[in-house]
Amino acid sequence: MDRLDAIQAVARLVEAGSLTKAAQTLHMSKTTVTQLVQQMEAWLRVKLLNRTTRQVKVAADGADYYERVVRLLAAGVVFVIHVKS
């Protein structure tokens, strides 16, 4: 599992609230996004999202994870901008 892809998949899924929208945003298939989220949940040993056939809701651990991941991704963007300038 590419952890950065998995981190981004979880973040986009939380933001989009929809597997279809998250997959479109990431330019990935719904299957790939689902697999990345499942792999991250297995690796962390926590439930990040509660999924049904119709909706995705953030689990308690998922909300905490998302909050931290957003800061991590933003720091990564700042780092890349700094390195490129």
PDB file of N, CA and C in Angstrom:
ATOM      1  N   MET A   1       0.848  -1.184   0.000  1.00  0.00           N
ATOM      2  CA  MET A   1       0.000   0.000   0.000  1.00  0.00           C
ATOM      3  C   MET A   1       0.883   1.233   0.000  1.00  0.00           C
ATOM      4  N   ASP A   2       0.572   2.137  -0.874  1.00  0.00           N
ATOM      5  CA  ASP A   2       1.229   3.442  -0.856  1.00  0.00           C
ATOM      6  C   ASP A   2       0.498   4.268   0.197  1.00  0.00           C
ATOM      7  N   ARG A   3       1.163   4.533   1.285  1.00  0.00           N
ATOM      8  CA  ARG A   3       0.497   5.203   2.407  1.00  0.00           C
ATOM      9  C   ARG A   3       0.022   6.604   2.062  1.00  0.00           C
ATOM     10  N   LEU A   4       0.776   7.328   1.239  1.00  0.00           N
ATOM     11  CA  LEU A   4       0.336   8.664   0.847  1.00  0.00           C
ATOM     12  C   LEU A   4      -0.957   8.592   0.050  1.00  0.00           C
ATOM     13  N   ASP A   5      -1.058   7.637  -0.864  1.00  0.00           N
ATOM     14  CA  ASP A   5      -2.308   7.458  -1.608  1.00  0.00           C
ATOM     15  C   ASP A   5      -3.453   7.119  -0.664  1.00  0.00           C
ATOM     16  N   ALA A   6      -3.183   6.276   0.320  1.00  0.00           N
ATOM     17  CA  ALA A   6      -4.219   5.877   1.277  1.00  0.00           C
ATOM     18  C   ALA A   6      -4.644   7.061   2.135  1.00  0.00           C
ATOM     19  N   ILE A   7      -3.684   7.855   2.567  1.00  0.00           N
ATOM     20  CA  ILE A   7      -3.991   9.051   3.370  1.00  0.00           C
ATOM     21  C   ILE A   7      -4.882   9.994   2.562  1.00  0.00           C
ATOM     22  N   GLN A   8      -4.501  10.223   1.311  1.00  0.00           N
ATOM     23  CA  GLN A   8      -5.285  11.114   0.456  1.00  0.00           C
ATOM     24  C   GLN A   8      -6.675  10.537   0.183  1.00  0.00           C
ATOM     25  N   ALA A   9      -6.762   9.233   0.008  1.00  0.00           N
ATOM     26  CA  ALA A   9      -8.063   8.599  -0.247  1.00  0.00           C
ATOM     27  C   ALA A   9      -9.002   8.808   0.920  1.00  0.00           C
ATOM     28  N   VAL A  10      -8.509   8.601   2.128  1.00  0.00           N
ATOM     29  CA  VAL A  10      -9.354   8.802   3.315  1.00  0.00           C
ATOM     30  C   VAL A  10      -9.771  10.263   3.409  1.00  0.00           C
ATOM     31  N   ALA A  11      -8.825  11.175   3.234  1.00  0.00           N
ATOM     32  CA  ALA A  11      -9.139  12.605   3.345  1.00  0.00           C
ATOM     33  C   ALA A  11     -10.181  13.030   2.311  1.00  0.00           C
ATOM     34  N   ARG A  12     -10.007  12.622   1.071  1.00  0.00           N
ATOM     35  CA  ARG A  12     -10.953  13.016   0.024  1.00  0.00           C
ATOM     36  C   ARG A  12     -12.321  12.392   0.236  1.00  0.00           C
ATOM     37  N   LEU A  13     -12.340  11.181   0.753  1.00  0.00           N
ATOM     38  CA  LEU A  13     -13.615  10.524   1.018  1.00  0.00           C
ATOM     39  C   LEU A  13     -14.368  11.238   2.141  1.00  0.00           C
ATOM     40  N   VAL A  14     -13.653  11.652   3.158  1.00  0.00           N
ATOM     41  CA  VAL A  14     -14.279  12.428   4.239  1.00  0.00           C
ATOM     42  C   VAL A  14     -14.823  13.735   3.682  1.00  0.00           C
ATOM     43  N   GLU A  15     -14.032  14.425   2.889  1.00  0.00           N
ATOM     44  CA  GLU A  15     -14.443  15.720   2.341  1.00  0.00           C
ATOM     45  C   GLU A  15     -15.613  15.590   1.372  1.00  0.00           C
ATOM     46  N   ALA A  16     -15.570  14.582   0.525  1.00  0.00           N
ATOM     47  CA  ALA A  16     -16.607  14.417  -0.500  1.00  0.00           C
ATOM     48  C   ALA A  16     -17.884  13.819   0.074  1.00  0.00           C
ATOM     49  N   GLY A  17     -17.739  12.962   1.081  1.00  0.00           N
ATOM     50  CA  GLY A  17     -18.912  12.302   1.645  1.00  0.00           C
ATOM     51  C   GLY A  17     -19.507  11.257   0.720  1.00  0.00           C
ATOM     52  N   SER A  18     -18.793  10.966  -0.359  1.00  0.00           N
ATOM     53  CA  SER A  18     -19.284  10.035  -1.370  1.00  0.00           C
ATOM     54  C   SER A  18     -18.097   9.332  -2.007  1.00  0.00           C
ATOM     55  N   LEU A  19     -18.203   8.033  -2.127  1.00  0.00           N
ATOM     56  CA  LEU A  19     -17.147   7.258  -2.754  1.00  0.00           C
ATOM     57  C   LEU A  19     -16.959   7.665  -4.215  1.00  0.00           C
ATOM     58  N   THR A  20     -18.052   7.878  -4.915  1.00  0.00           N
ATOM     59  CA  THR A  20     -17.987   8.268  -6.325  1.00  0.00           C
ATOM     60  C   THR A  20     -17.272   9.595  -6.494  1.00  0.00           C
ATOM     61  N   LYS A  21     -17.646  10.583  -5.690  1.00  0.00           N
ATOM     62  CA  LYS A  21     -17.018  11.905  -5.793  1.00  0.00           C
ATOM     63  C   LYS A  21     -15.543  11.854  -5.413  1.00  0.00           C
ATOM     64  N   ALA A  22     -15.217  11.106  -4.379  1.00  0.00           N
ATOM     65  CA  ALA A  22     -13.816  10.983  -3.956  1.00  0.00           C
ATOM     66  C   ALA A  22     -12.987  10.332  -5.060  1.00  0.00           C
ATOM     67  N   ALA A  23     -13.513   9.273  -5.657  1.00  0.00           N
ATOM     68  CA  ALA A  23     -12.801   8.574  -6.729  1.00  0.00           C
ATOM     69  C   ALA A  23     -12.572   9.502  -7.920  1.00  0.00           C
ATOM     70  N   GLN A  24     -13.574  10.287  -8.262  1.00  0.00           N
ATOM     71  CA  GLN A  24     -13.432  11.231  -9.372  1.00  0.00           C
ATOM     72  C   GLN A  24     -12.356  12.272  -9.070  1.00  0.00           C
ATOM     73  N   THR A  25     -12.368  12.799  -7.862  1.00  0.00           N
ATOM     74  CA  THR A  25     -11.391  13.808  -7.451  1.00  0.00           C
ATOM     75  C   THR A  25      -9.969  13.258  -7.508  1.00  0.00           C
ATOM     76  N   LEU A  26      -9.818  12.007  -7.108  1.00  0.00           N
ATOM     77  CA  LEU A  26      -8.497  11.368  -7.060  1.00  0.00           C
ATOM     78  C   LEU A  26      -8.085  10.741  -8.393  1.00  0.00           C
ATOM     79  N   HIS A  27      -9.010  10.725  -9.360  1.00  0.00           N
ATOM     80  CA  HIS A  27      -8.767  10.064 -10.647  1.00  0.00           C
ATOM     81  C   HIS A  27      -8.410   8.594 -10.436  1.00  0.00           C
ATOM     82  N   MET A  28      -9.192   7.959  -9.566  1.00  0.00           N
ATOM     83  CA  MET A  28      -9.031   6.537  -9.257  1.00  0.00           C
ATOM     84  C   MET A  28     -10.389   5.870  -9.389  1.00  0.00           C
ATOM     85  N   SER A  29     -10.370   4.559  -9.481  1.00  0.00           N
ATOM     86  CA  SER A  29     -11.630   3.829  -9.481  1.00  0.00           C
ATOM     87  C   SER A  29     -12.183   3.769  -8.062  1.00  0.00           C
ATOM     88  N   LYS A  30     -13.481   3.545  -7.953  1.00  0.00           N
ATOM     89  CA  LYS A  30     -14.098   3.393  -6.631  1.00  0.00           C
ATOM     90  C   LYS A  30     -13.498   2.193  -5.899  1.00  0.00           C
ATOM     91  N   THR A  31     -13.193   1.152  -6.652  1.00  0.00           N
ATOM     92  CA  THR A  31     -12.592  -0.043  -6.060  1.00  0.00           C
ATOM     93  C   THR A  31     -11.239   0.285  -5.436  1.00  0.00           C
ATOM     94  N   THR A  32     -10.431   1.053  -6.137  1.00  0.00           N
ATOM     95  CA  THR A  32      -9.109   1.420  -5.627  1.00  0.00           C
ATOM     96  C   THR A  32      -9.229   2.254  -4.360  1.00  0.00           C
ATOM     97  N   VAL A  33     -10.127   3.238  -4.371  1.00  0.00           N
ATOM     98  CA  VAL A  33     -10.322   4.077  -3.184  1.00  0.00           C
ATOM     99  C   VAL A  33     -10.774   3.216  -2.011  1.00  0.00           C
ATOM    100  N   THR A  34     -11.717   2.327  -2.242  1.00  0.00           N
ATOM    101  CA  THR A  34     -12.201   1.437  -1.184  1.00  0.00           C
ATOM    102  C   THR A  34     -11.065   0.590  -0.628  1.00  0.00           C
ATOM    103  N   GLN A  35     -10.247   0.039  -1.501  1.00  0.00           N
ATOM    104  CA  GLN A  35      -9.132  -0.798  -1.059  1.00  0.00           C
ATOM    105  C   GLN A  35      -8.118   0.003  -0.251  1.00  0.00           C
ATOM    106  N   LEU A  36      -7.820   1.212  -0.682  1.00  0.00           N
ATOM    107  CA  LEU A  36      -6.881   2.052   0.052  1.00  0.00           C
ATOM    108  C   LEU A  36      -7.401   2.378   1.451  1.00  0.00           C
ATOM    109  N   VAL A  37      -8.679   2.706   1.546  1.00  0.00           N
ATOM    110  CA  VAL A  37      -9.276   3.011   2.851  1.00  0.00           C
ATOM    111  C   VAL A  37      -9.245   1.768   3.743  1.00  0.00           C
ATOM    112  N   GLN A  38      -9.622   0.637   3.197  1.00  0.00           N
ATOM    113  CA  GLN A  38      -9.613  -0.605   3.976  1.00  0.00           C
ATOM    114  C   GLN A  38      -8.205  -0.960   4.436  1.00  0.00           C
ATOM    115  N   GLN A  39      -7.221  -0.774   3.568  1.00  0.00           N
ATOM    116  CA  GLN A  39      -5.841  -1.063   3.937  1.00  0.00           C
ATOM    117  C   GLN A  39      -5.357  -0.136   5.048  1.00  0.00           C
ATOM    118  N   MET A  40      -5.728   1.140   4.976  1.00  0.00           N
ATOM    119  CA  MET A  40      -5.330   2.083   6.023  1.00  0.00           C
ATOM    120  C   MET A  40      -5.995   1.724   7.345  1.00  0.00           C
ATOM    121  N   GLU A  41      -7.274   1.365   7.285  1.00  0.00           N
ATOM    122  CA  GLU A  41      -7.968   0.953   8.510  1.00  0.00           C
ATOM    123  C   GLU A  41      -7.313  -0.294   9.112  1.00  0.00           C
ATOM    124  N   ALA A  42      -6.937  -1.227   8.280  1.00  0.00           N
ATOM    125  CA  ALA A  42      -6.283  -2.446   8.764  1.00  0.00           C
ATOM    126  C   ALA A  42      -4.912  -2.130   9.351  1.00  0.00           C
ATOM    127  N   TRP A  43      -4.172  -1.261   8.693  1.00  0.00           N
ATOM    128  CA  TRP A  43      -2.837  -0.900   9.158  1.00  0.00           C
ATOM    129  C   TRP A  43      -2.910  -0.173  10.501  1.00  0.00           C
ATOM    130  N   LEU A  44      -3.877   0.753  10.627  1.00  0.00           N
ATOM    131  CA  LEU A  44      -4.042   1.512  11.867  1.00  0.00           C
ATOM    132  C   LEU A  44      -4.795   0.728  12.946  1.00  0.00           C
ATOM    133  N   ARG A  45      -5.524  -0.305  12.500  1.00  0.00           N
ATOM    134  CA  ARG A  45      -6.370  -1.118  13.383  1.00  0.00           C
ATOM    135  C   ARG A  45      -7.478  -0.294  14.039  1.00  0.00           C
ATOM    136  N   VAL A  46      -8.058   0.611  13.248  1.00  0.00           N
ATOM    137  CA  VAL A  46      -9.202   1.408  13.689  1.00  0.00           C
ATOM    138  C   VAL A  46     -10.187   1.554  12.540  1.00  0.00           C
ATOM    139  N   LYS A  47     -11.417   1.826  12.878  1.00  0.00           N
ATOM    140  CA  LYS A  47     -12.462   2.094  11.892  1.00  0.00           C
ATOM    141  C   LYS A  47     -12.481   3.598  11.670  1.00  0.00           C
ATOM    142  N   LEU A  48     -12.157   4.026  10.444  1.00  0.00           N
ATOM    143  CA  LEU A  48     -12.127   5.448  10.132  1.00  0.00           C
ATOM    144  C   LEU A  48     -13.454   5.947   9.591  1.00  0.00           C
ATOM    145  N   LEU A  49     -14.125   5.085   8.835  1.00  0.00           N
ATOM    146  CA  LEU A  49     -15.364   5.478   8.172  1.00  0.00           C
ATOM    147  C   LEU A  49     -16.426   4.413   8.360  1.00  0.00           C
ATOM    148  N   ASN A  50     -17.649   4.848   8.503  1.00  0.00           N
ATOM    149  CA  ASN A  50     -18.794   3.938   8.512  1.00  0.00           C
ATOM    150  C   ASN A  50     -19.442   4.038   7.141  1.00  0.00           C
ATOM    151  N   ARG A  51     -19.397   2.929   6.413  1.00  0.00           N
ATOM    152  CA  ARG A  51     -19.885   2.936   5.038  1.00  0.00           C
ATOM    153  C   ARG A  51     -21.123   2.061   4.906  1.00  0.00           C
ATOM    154  N   THR A  52     -22.068   2.567   4.136  1.00  0.00           N
ATOM    155  CA  THR A  52     -23.218   1.776   3.720  1.00  0.00           C
ATOM    156  C   THR A  52     -23.259   1.852   2.198  1.00  0.00           C
ATOM    157  N   THR A  53     -24.229   1.226   1.619  1.00  0.00           N
ATOM    158  CA  THR A  53     -24.335   1.290   0.158  1.00  0.00           C
ATOM    159  C   THR A  53     -24.699   2.694  -0.324  1.00  0.00           C
ATOM    160  N   ARG A  54     -25.231   3.512   0.562  1.00  0.00           N
ATOM    161  CA  ARG A  54     -25.694   4.838   0.150  1.00  0.00           C
ATOM    162  C   ARG A  54     -24.888   6.013   0.689  1.00  0.00           C
ATOM    163  N   GLN A  55     -24.134   5.806   1.760  1.00  0.00           N
ATOM    164  CA  GLN A  55     -23.450   6.953   2.340  1.00  0.00           C
ATOM    165  C   GLN A  55     -22.173   6.557   3.074  1.00  0.00           C
ATOM    166  N   VAL A  56     -21.362   7.572   3.309  1.00  0.00           N
ATOM    167  CA  VAL A  56     -20.130   7.414   4.069  1.00  0.00           C
ATOM    168  C   VAL A  56     -20.175   8.426   5.197  1.00  0.00           C
ATOM    169  N   LYS A  57     -19.982   7.945   6.417  1.00  0.00           N
ATOM    170  CA  LYS A  57     -19.937   8.840   7.575  1.00  0.00           C
ATOM    171  C   LYS A  57     -18.634   8.617   8.302  1.00  0.00           C
ATOM    172  N   VAL A  58     -18.122   9.682   8.865  1.00  0.00           N
ATOM    173  CA  VAL A  58     -16.849   9.612   9.566  1.00  0.00           C
ATOM    174  C   VAL A  58     -17.061   9.010  10.946  1.00  0.00           C
ATOM    175  N   ALA A  59     -16.261   8.000  11.267  1.00  0.00           N
ATOM    176  CA  ALA A  59     -16.281   7.409  12.603  1.00  0.00           C
ATOM    177  C   ALA A  59     -15.515   8.337  13.551  1.00  0.00           C
ATOM    178  N   ALA A  60     -15.646   8.124  14.836  1.00  0.00           N
ATOM    179  CA  ALA A  60     -14.971   8.981  15.826  1.00  0.00           C
ATOM    180  C   ALA A  60     -13.464   8.997  15.599  1.00  0.00           C
ATOM    181  N   ASP A  61     -12.862   7.847  15.423  1.00  0.00           N
ATOM    182  CA  ASP A  61     -11.420   7.789  15.156  1.00  0.00           C
ATOM    183  C   ASP A  61     -11.091   8.426  13.812  1.00  0.00           C
ATOM    184  N   GLY A  62     -12.003   8.329  12.875  1.00  0.00           N
ATOM    185  CA  GLY A  62     -11.800   8.922  11.561  1.00  0.00           C
ATOM    186  C   GLY A  62     -11.763  10.436  11.609  1.00  0.00           C
ATOM    187  N   ALA A  63     -12.573  11.033  12.466  1.00  0.00           N
ATOM    188  CA  ALA A  63     -12.586  12.490  12.601  1.00  0.00           C
ATOM    189  C   ALA A  63     -11.246  12.985  13.137  1.00  0.00           C
ATOM    190  N   ASP A  64     -10.715  12.299  14.137  1.00  0.00           N
ATOM    191  CA  ASP A  64      -9.416  12.658  14.700  1.00  0.00           C
ATOM    192  C   ASP A  64      -8.314  12.464  13.660  1.00  0.00           C
ATOM    193  N   TYR A  65      -8.372  11.343  12.963  1.00  0.00           N
ATOM    194  CA  TYR A  65      -7.396  11.036  11.911  1.00  0.00           C
ATOM    195  C   TYR A  65      -7.441  12.117  10.836  1.00  0.00           C
ATOM    196  N   TYR A  66      -8.633  12.470  10.371  1.00  0.00           N
ATOM    197  CA  TYR A  66      -8.792  13.462   9.314  1.00  0.00           C
ATOM    198  C   TYR A  66      -8.202  14.807   9.735  1.00  0.00           C
ATOM    199  N   GLU A  67      -8.494  15.216  10.948  1.00  0.00           N
ATOM    200  CA  GLU A  67      -8.001  16.496  11.453  1.00  0.00           C
ATOM    201  C   GLU A  67      -6.469  16.555  11.392  1.00  0.00           C
ATOM    202  N   ARG A  68      -5.827  15.473  11.762  1.00  0.00           N
ATOM    203  CA  ARG A  68      -4.362  15.426  11.761  1.00  0.00           C
ATOM    204  C   ARG A  68      -3.801  15.307  10.335  1.00  0.00           C
ATOM    205  N   VAL A  69      -4.483  14.535   9.512  1.00  0.00           N
ATOM    206  CA  VAL A  69      -4.017  14.304   8.144  1.00  0.00           C
ATOM    207  C   VAL A  69      -4.088  15.577   7.311  1.00  0.00           C
ATOM    208  N   VAL A  70      -5.104  16.379   7.516  1.00  0.00           N
ATOM    209  CA  VAL A  70      -5.232  17.629   6.769  1.00  0.00           C
ATOM    210  C   VAL A  70      -4.028  18.525   7.046  1.00  0.00           C
ATOM    211  N   ARG A  71      -3.620  18.585   8.303  1.00  0.00           N
ATOM    212  CA  ARG A  71      -2.440  19.391   8.651  1.00  0.00           C
ATOM    213  C   ARG A  71      -1.172  18.799   8.021  1.00  0.00           C
ATOM    214  N   LEU A  72      -1.069  17.478   8.029  1.00  0.00           N
ATOM    215  CA  LEU A  72       0.083  16.805   7.436  1.00  0.00           C
ATOM    216  C   LEU A  72       0.169  17.085   5.934  1.00  0.00           C
ATOM    217  N   LEU A  73      -0.948  16.963   5.241  1.00  0.00           N
ATOM    218  CA  LEU A  73      -0.962  17.212   3.797  1.00  0.00           C
ATOM    219  C   LEU A  73      -0.645  18.670   3.484  1.00  0.00           C
ATOM    220  N   ALA A  74      -1.156  19.594   4.277  1.00  0.00           N
ATOM    221  CA  ALA A  74      -0.866  21.019   4.072  1.00  0.00           C
ATOM    222  C   ALA A  74       0.619  21.290   4.286  1.00  0.00           C
ATOM    223  N   ALA A  75       1.213  20.679   5.292  1.00  0.00           N
ATOM    224  CA  ALA A  75       2.645  20.853   5.544  1.00  0.00           C
ATOM    225  C   ALA A  75       3.457  20.298   4.381  1.00  0.00           C
ATOM    226  N   GLY A  76       2.997  19.214   3.807  1.00  0.00           N
ATOM    227  CA  GLY A  76       3.684  18.639   2.650  1.00  0.00           C
ATOM    228  C   GLY A  76       3.659  19.575   1.462  1.00  0.00           C
ATOM    229  N   VAL A  77       2.541  20.219   1.238  1.00  0.00           N
ATOM    230  CA  VAL A  77       2.423  21.179   0.128  1.00  0.00           C
ATOM    231  C   VAL A  77       3.363  22.355   0.360  1.00  0.00           C
ATOM    232  N   VAL A  78       3.388  22.865   1.576  1.00  0.00           N
ATOM    233  CA  VAL A  78       4.275  23.989   1.902  1.00  0.00           C
ATOM    234  C   VAL A  78       5.728  23.583   1.684  1.00  0.00           C
ATOM    235  N   PHE A  79       6.075  22.371   2.084  1.00  0.00           N
ATOM    236  CA  PHE A  79       7.440  21.884   1.900  1.00  0.00           C
ATOM    237  C   PHE A  79       7.819  21.829   0.420  1.00  0.00           C
ATOM    238  N   VAL A  80       6.932  21.289  -0.403  1.00  0.00           N
ATOM    239  CA  VAL A  80       7.208  21.185  -1.831  1.00  0.00           C
ATOM    240  C   VAL A  80       7.375  22.571  -2.446  1.00  0.00           C
ATOM    241  N   ILE A  81       6.516  23.508  -2.082  1.00  0.00           N
ATOM    242  CA  ILE A  81       6.637  24.873  -2.595  1.00  0.00           C
ATOM    243  C   ILE A  81       7.970  25.477  -2.185  1.00  0.00           C
ATOM    244  N   HIS A  82       8.361  25.244  -0.940  1.00  0.00           N
ATOM    245  CA  HIS A  82       9.636  25.771  -0.440  1.00  0.00           C
ATOM    246  C   HIS A  82      10.824  25.185  -1.213  1.00  0.00           C
ATOM    247  N   VAL A  83      10.795  23.893  -1.424  1.00  0.00           N
ATOM    248  CA  VAL A  83      11.893  23.222  -2.115  1.00  0.00           C
ATOM    249  C   VAL A  83      11.996  23.688  -3.563  1.00  0.00           C
ATOM    250  N   LYS A  84      10.854  23.898  -4.204  1.00  0.00           N
ATOM    251  CA  LYS A  84      10.844  24.301  -5.620  1.00  0.00           C
ATOM    252  C   LYS A  84      11.221  25.755  -5.829  1.00  0.00           C
ATOM    253  N   SER A  85      11.153  26.562  -4.800  1.00  0.00           N
ATOM    254  CA  SER A  85      11.436  27.995  -4.995  1.00  0.00           C
ATOM    255  C   SER A  85      12.887  28.329  -4.735  1.00  0.00           C
TER     256      SER A  85
END
